[in-house]
Amino acid sequence: MKNQKIILKIIKYIDSISKYTKNVDYNEFSNNSMMVEACVFNLSQIGELVNKLDKEFISKYPEIPWFKMRGLRNRIVHDYEGVNLNLIWEIIDGDIKVLKEQLLEIIK
């Protein structure tokens, strides 16, 4: 039950990112500091939530990039100035949609 609640929170953060970046291209994204900060914050929250999942739960779903999500959080938190906006955009523009689909499958 705990893990399912965490997954639902992660999906909520994904939905926020999707809402902020709907109909936006990289140029608009990279030139809008509020959008960048909001999205980066949500991505860091996703990584933080991954830390709260049970190890057994994580190992049950190896196809989900749990460690990359946690790693991105660590890069954001410890080196904000060094965050690569191209990488953030790639995650937002493609990876996050796949992640949401995977997480929705888990909670079915």
N, C-alpha and C. Protein backbone atom coordinates (compact mmCIF):
# COMPACT_ATOMS: atom_id res chain seq x y z
N MET A 1 0.82 -1.20 0.00
CA MET A 1 0.00 0.00 0.00
C MET A 1 0.86 1.27 0.00
N LYS A 2 1.92 1.25 0.83
CA LYS A 2 2.81 2.40 0.89
C LYS A 2 3.42 2.68 -0.48
N ASN A 3 3.90 1.62 -1.14
CA ASN A 3 4.53 1.79 -2.44
C ASN A 3 3.54 2.34 -3.46
N GLN A 4 2.31 1.88 -3.41
CA GLN A 4 1.30 2.36 -4.35
C GLN A 4 1.02 3.85 -4.15
N LYS A 5 0.98 4.30 -2.92
CA LYS A 5 0.78 5.73 -2.65
C LYS A 5 1.94 6.56 -3.20
N ILE A 6 3.14 6.04 -3.06
CA ILE A 6 4.32 6.73 -3.58
C ILE A 6 4.26 6.81 -5.10
N ILE A 7 3.88 5.72 -5.74
CA ILE A 7 3.76 5.71 -7.20
C ILE A 7 2.72 6.73 -7.65
N LEU A 8 1.61 6.83 -6.95
CA LEU A 8 0.58 7.82 -7.29
C LEU A 8 1.12 9.24 -7.16
N LYS A 9 1.94 9.49 -6.16
CA LYS A 9 2.55 10.81 -6.01
C LYS A 9 3.51 11.10 -7.16
N ILE A 10 4.28 10.10 -7.55
CA ILE A 10 5.21 10.27 -8.68
C ILE A 10 4.41 10.62 -9.94
N ILE A 11 3.30 9.92 -10.16
CA ILE A 11 2.46 10.20 -11.33
C ILE A 11 1.92 11.63 -11.26
N LYS A 12 1.59 12.10 -10.08
CA LYS A 12 1.11 13.48 -9.92
C LYS A 12 2.20 14.48 -10.35
N TYR A 13 3.44 14.22 -9.96
CA TYR A 13 4.54 15.10 -10.38
C TYR A 13 4.75 15.04 -11.89
N ILE A 14 4.63 13.85 -12.46
CA ILE A 14 4.75 13.72 -13.91
C ILE A 14 3.65 14.53 -14.60
N ASP A 15 2.44 14.44 -14.08
CA ASP A 15 1.32 15.19 -14.67
C ASP A 15 1.56 16.70 -14.59
N SER A 16 2.15 17.15 -13.50
CA SER A 16 2.47 18.58 -13.38
C SER A 16 3.47 19.00 -14.44
N ILE A 17 4.51 18.21 -14.62
CA ILE A 17 5.52 18.52 -15.64
C ILE A 17 4.87 18.56 -17.02
N SER A 18 4.02 17.58 -17.30
CA SER A 18 3.34 17.52 -18.60
C SER A 18 2.45 18.73 -18.82
N LYS A 19 1.78 19.16 -17.76
CA LYS A 19 0.91 20.34 -17.86
C LYS A 19 1.73 21.60 -18.14
N TYR A 20 2.85 21.75 -17.44
CA TYR A 20 3.70 22.94 -17.62
C TYR A 20 4.28 23.02 -19.03
N THR A 21 4.57 21.87 -19.63
CA THR A 21 5.29 21.86 -20.90
C THR A 21 4.41 21.50 -22.10
N LYS A 22 3.11 21.48 -21.90
CA LYS A 22 2.21 21.14 -23.00
C LYS A 22 2.35 22.18 -24.12
N ASN A 23 2.52 21.69 -25.33
CA ASN A 23 2.65 22.54 -26.52
C ASN A 23 3.85 23.49 -26.44
N VAL A 24 4.90 23.05 -25.78
CA VAL A 24 6.11 23.86 -25.62
C VAL A 24 7.26 23.12 -26.29
N ASP A 25 8.14 23.86 -26.96
CA ASP A 25 9.33 23.23 -27.53
C ASP A 25 10.53 23.57 -26.65
N TYR A 26 11.67 23.00 -27.00
CA TYR A 26 12.86 23.19 -26.18
C TYR A 26 13.23 24.66 -26.04
N ASN A 27 13.13 25.41 -27.12
CA ASN A 27 13.51 26.83 -27.08
C ASN A 27 12.65 27.59 -26.07
N GLU A 28 11.34 27.38 -26.13
CA GLU A 28 10.46 28.04 -25.15
C GLU A 28 10.80 27.60 -23.73
N PHE A 29 11.00 26.30 -23.57
CA PHE A 29 11.32 25.75 -22.26
C PHE A 29 12.60 26.38 -21.70
N SER A 30 13.67 26.34 -22.47
CA SER A 30 14.97 26.80 -21.97
C SER A 30 15.01 28.30 -21.71
N ASN A 31 14.12 29.05 -22.32
CA ASN A 31 14.07 30.50 -22.12
C ASN A 31 13.07 30.94 -21.06
N ASN A 32 12.42 29.99 -20.41
CA ASN A 32 11.44 30.30 -19.38
C ASN A 32 11.94 29.76 -18.04
N SER A 33 12.58 30.62 -17.28
CA SER A 33 13.22 30.16 -16.04
C SER A 33 12.21 29.60 -15.04
N MET A 34 11.02 30.15 -14.99
CA MET A 34 10.02 29.62 -14.06
C MET A 34 9.61 28.20 -14.45
N MET A 35 9.45 27.97 -15.74
CA MET A 35 9.09 26.63 -16.21
C MET A 35 10.22 25.64 -15.92
N VAL A 36 11.44 26.06 -16.21
CA VAL A 36 12.59 25.20 -15.95
C VAL A 36 12.65 24.84 -14.46
N GLU A 37 12.54 25.85 -13.61
CA GLU A 37 12.63 25.61 -12.18
C GLU A 37 11.50 24.72 -11.69
N ALA A 38 10.29 24.92 -12.19
CA ALA A 38 9.15 24.09 -11.78
C ALA A 38 9.37 22.64 -12.20
N CYS A 39 9.82 22.44 -13.42
CA CYS A 39 10.04 21.08 -13.91
C CYS A 39 11.18 20.40 -13.19
N VAL A 40 12.26 21.11 -12.98
CA VAL A 40 13.41 20.54 -12.28
C VAL A 40 13.02 20.19 -10.84
N PHE A 41 12.24 21.04 -10.21
CA PHE A 41 11.77 20.75 -8.86
C PHE A 41 10.96 19.45 -8.86
N ASN A 42 10.02 19.33 -9.79
CA ASN A 42 9.18 18.12 -9.85
C ASN A 42 10.01 16.88 -10.13
N LEU A 43 11.00 16.99 -11.00
CA LEU A 43 11.89 15.84 -11.25
C LEU A 43 12.67 15.46 -10.00
N SER A 44 13.10 16.45 -9.24
CA SER A 44 13.83 16.14 -8.01
C SER A 44 12.91 15.48 -6.99
N GLN A 45 11.65 15.90 -6.95
CA GLN A 45 10.69 15.28 -6.03
C GLN A 45 10.44 13.82 -6.42
N ILE A 46 10.40 13.55 -7.70
CA ILE A 46 10.24 12.16 -8.17
C ILE A 46 11.40 11.31 -7.66
N GLY A 47 12.61 11.81 -7.81
CA GLY A 47 13.78 11.08 -7.33
C GLY A 47 13.77 10.89 -5.82
N GLU A 48 13.29 11.88 -5.11
CA GLU A 48 13.18 11.78 -3.66
C GLU A 48 12.18 10.70 -3.25
N LEU A 49 11.08 10.62 -3.97
CA LEU A 49 10.08 9.59 -3.68
C LEU A 49 10.60 8.18 -3.96
N VAL A 50 11.42 8.04 -4.98
CA VAL A 50 11.99 6.74 -5.28
C VAL A 50 12.78 6.22 -4.07
N ASN A 51 13.44 7.12 -3.35
CA ASN A 51 14.19 6.73 -2.16
C ASN A 51 13.30 6.12 -1.08
N LYS A 52 12.01 6.40 -1.13
CA LYS A 52 11.09 5.91 -0.10
C LYS A 52 10.44 4.57 -0.45
N LEU A 53 10.66 4.11 -1.68
CA LEU A 53 10.11 2.82 -2.09
C LEU A 53 10.89 1.67 -1.43
N ASP A 54 10.19 0.59 -1.14
CA ASP A 54 10.85 -0.59 -0.58
C ASP A 54 11.81 -1.19 -1.61
N LYS A 55 12.93 -1.68 -1.14
CA LYS A 55 13.93 -2.30 -2.02
C LYS A 55 13.34 -3.48 -2.79
N GLU A 56 12.50 -4.25 -2.13
CA GLU A 56 11.87 -5.41 -2.78
C GLU A 56 10.97 -4.95 -3.92
N PHE A 57 10.27 -3.85 -3.71
CA PHE A 57 9.39 -3.30 -4.73
C PHE A 57 10.21 -2.87 -5.94
N ILE A 58 11.29 -2.17 -5.70
CA ILE A 58 12.16 -1.70 -6.77
C ILE A 58 12.70 -2.89 -7.57
N SER A 59 13.15 -3.92 -6.88
CA SER A 59 13.73 -5.06 -7.59
C SER A 59 12.68 -5.87 -8.35
N LYS A 60 11.42 -5.72 -7.98
CA LYS A 60 10.33 -6.40 -8.68
C LYS A 60 10.08 -5.81 -10.07
N TYR A 61 10.48 -4.56 -10.28
CA TYR A 61 10.25 -3.86 -11.55
C TYR A 61 11.57 -3.30 -12.10
N PRO A 62 12.46 -4.18 -12.54
CA PRO A 62 13.78 -3.72 -13.00
C PRO A 62 13.74 -2.92 -14.30
N GLU A 63 12.63 -3.00 -15.03
CA GLU A 63 12.52 -2.25 -16.30
C GLU A 63 12.34 -0.75 -16.07
N ILE A 64 12.03 -0.36 -14.86
CA ILE A 64 11.83 1.06 -14.54
C ILE A 64 13.17 1.64 -14.08
N PRO A 65 13.56 2.80 -14.60
CA PRO A 65 14.88 3.36 -14.30
C PRO A 65 14.96 4.03 -12.92
N TRP A 66 14.70 3.24 -11.86
CA TRP A 66 14.69 3.77 -10.50
C TRP A 66 15.98 4.49 -10.16
N PHE A 67 17.12 3.87 -10.50
CA PHE A 67 18.41 4.42 -10.10
C PHE A 67 18.73 5.70 -10.88
N LYS A 68 18.29 5.76 -12.12
CA LYS A 68 18.48 6.99 -12.91
C LYS A 68 17.63 8.12 -12.33
N MET A 69 16.43 7.79 -11.88
CA MET A 69 15.55 8.80 -11.28
C MET A 69 16.18 9.35 -10.00
N ARG A 70 16.72 8.45 -9.21
CA ARG A 70 17.39 8.86 -7.98
C ARG A 70 18.65 9.64 -8.29
N GLY A 71 19.39 9.19 -9.29
CA GLY A 71 20.61 9.87 -9.68
C GLY A 71 20.36 11.28 -10.20
N LEU A 72 19.28 11.44 -10.96
CA LEU A 72 18.94 12.78 -11.46
C LEU A 72 18.62 13.70 -10.29
N ARG A 73 17.89 13.18 -9.32
CA ARG A 73 17.58 13.97 -8.12
C ARG A 73 18.86 14.45 -7.45
N ASN A 74 19.83 13.55 -7.32
CA ASN A 74 21.08 13.91 -6.66
C ASN A 74 21.84 14.97 -7.45
N ARG A 75 21.84 14.86 -8.76
CA ARG A 75 22.52 15.87 -9.58
C ARG A 75 21.84 17.23 -9.45
N ILE A 76 20.52 17.22 -9.45
CA ILE A 76 19.76 18.47 -9.32
C ILE A 76 20.05 19.13 -7.97
N VAL A 77 19.94 18.36 -6.92
CA VAL A 77 20.06 18.90 -5.57
C VAL A 77 21.48 19.36 -5.25
N HIS A 78 22.46 18.64 -5.73
CA HIS A 78 23.83 18.95 -5.35
C HIS A 78 24.59 19.80 -6.36
N ASP A 79 24.03 20.00 -7.55
CA ASP A 79 24.74 20.78 -8.56
C ASP A 79 23.75 21.45 -9.49
N TYR A 80 22.86 22.27 -8.93
CA TYR A 80 21.80 22.88 -9.73
C TYR A 80 22.36 23.66 -10.91
N GLU A 81 23.41 24.43 -10.69
CA GLU A 81 23.98 25.24 -11.76
C GLU A 81 24.51 24.37 -12.90
N GLY A 82 24.87 23.13 -12.58
CA GLY A 82 25.43 22.25 -13.59
C GLY A 82 24.40 21.37 -14.29
N VAL A 83 23.12 21.56 -14.00
CA VAL A 83 22.09 20.72 -14.62
C VAL A 83 22.04 21.00 -16.12
N ASN A 84 22.09 19.95 -16.89
CA ASN A 84 22.09 20.03 -18.34
C ASN A 84 20.65 20.16 -18.84
N LEU A 85 20.29 21.33 -19.35
CA LEU A 85 18.90 21.55 -19.80
C LEU A 85 18.52 20.67 -20.97
N ASN A 86 19.48 20.32 -21.82
CA ASN A 86 19.17 19.39 -22.92
C ASN A 86 18.74 18.03 -22.37
N LEU A 87 19.45 17.56 -21.36
CA LEU A 87 19.10 16.29 -20.74
C LEU A 87 17.72 16.38 -20.07
N ILE A 88 17.49 17.45 -19.35
CA ILE A 88 16.18 17.64 -18.68
C ILE A 88 15.08 17.63 -19.72
N TRP A 89 15.30 18.32 -20.85
CA TRP A 89 14.27 18.36 -21.89
C TRP A 89 14.04 16.98 -22.50
N GLU A 90 15.10 16.23 -22.75
CA GLU A 90 14.95 14.87 -23.28
C GLU A 90 14.09 14.02 -22.35
N ILE A 91 14.32 14.16 -21.07
CA ILE A 91 13.53 13.41 -20.09
C ILE A 91 12.07 13.85 -20.16
N ILE A 92 11.85 15.14 -20.19
CA ILE A 92 10.48 15.68 -20.21
C ILE A 92 9.78 15.33 -21.52
N ASP A 93 10.48 15.46 -22.62
CA ASP A 93 9.87 15.30 -23.94
C ASP A 93 9.61 13.85 -24.32
N GLY A 94 10.30 12.92 -23.70
CA GLY A 94 10.12 11.53 -24.12
C GLY A 94 10.03 10.54 -22.97
N ASP A 95 11.05 10.54 -22.14
CA ASP A 95 11.16 9.52 -21.11
C ASP A 95 10.01 9.54 -20.10
N ILE A 96 9.55 10.73 -19.77
CA ILE A 96 8.56 10.84 -18.71
C ILE A 96 7.21 10.24 -19.11
N LYS A 97 6.90 10.30 -20.40
CA LYS A 97 5.64 9.71 -20.87
C LYS A 97 5.69 8.19 -20.75
N VAL A 98 6.81 7.62 -21.11
CA VAL A 98 7.01 6.17 -21.00
C VAL A 98 6.96 5.76 -19.53
N LEU A 99 7.62 6.53 -18.68
CA LEU A 99 7.63 6.24 -17.25
C LEU A 99 6.21 6.24 -16.69
N LYS A 100 5.42 7.22 -17.07
CA LYS A 100 4.04 7.27 -16.57
C LYS A 100 3.27 6.02 -16.98
N GLU A 101 3.42 5.61 -18.22
CA GLU A 101 2.72 4.39 -18.69
C GLU A 101 3.16 3.18 -17.87
N GLN A 102 4.46 3.06 -17.61
CA GLN A 102 4.98 1.95 -16.82
C GLN A 102 4.40 1.97 -15.40
N LEU A 103 4.36 3.15 -14.80
CA LEU A 103 3.85 3.26 -13.43
C LEU A 103 2.36 2.97 -13.36
N LEU A 104 1.63 3.40 -14.37
CA LEU A 104 0.18 3.10 -14.40
C LEU A 104 -0.05 1.60 -14.50
N GLU A 105 0.80 0.90 -15.24
CA GLU A 105 0.69 -0.57 -15.32
C GLU A 105 0.92 -1.21 -13.95
N ILE A 106 1.86 -0.70 -13.21
CA ILE A 106 2.17 -1.26 -11.90
C ILE A 106 0.98 -1.16 -10.96
N ILE A 107 0.31 -0.03 -10.97
CA ILE A 107 -0.76 0.18 -9.99
C ILE A 107 -2.11 -0.38 -10.42
N LYS A 108 -2.18 -0.97 -11.59
CA LYS A 108 -3.45 -1.56 -12.03
C LYS A 108 -3.81 -2.76 -11.19
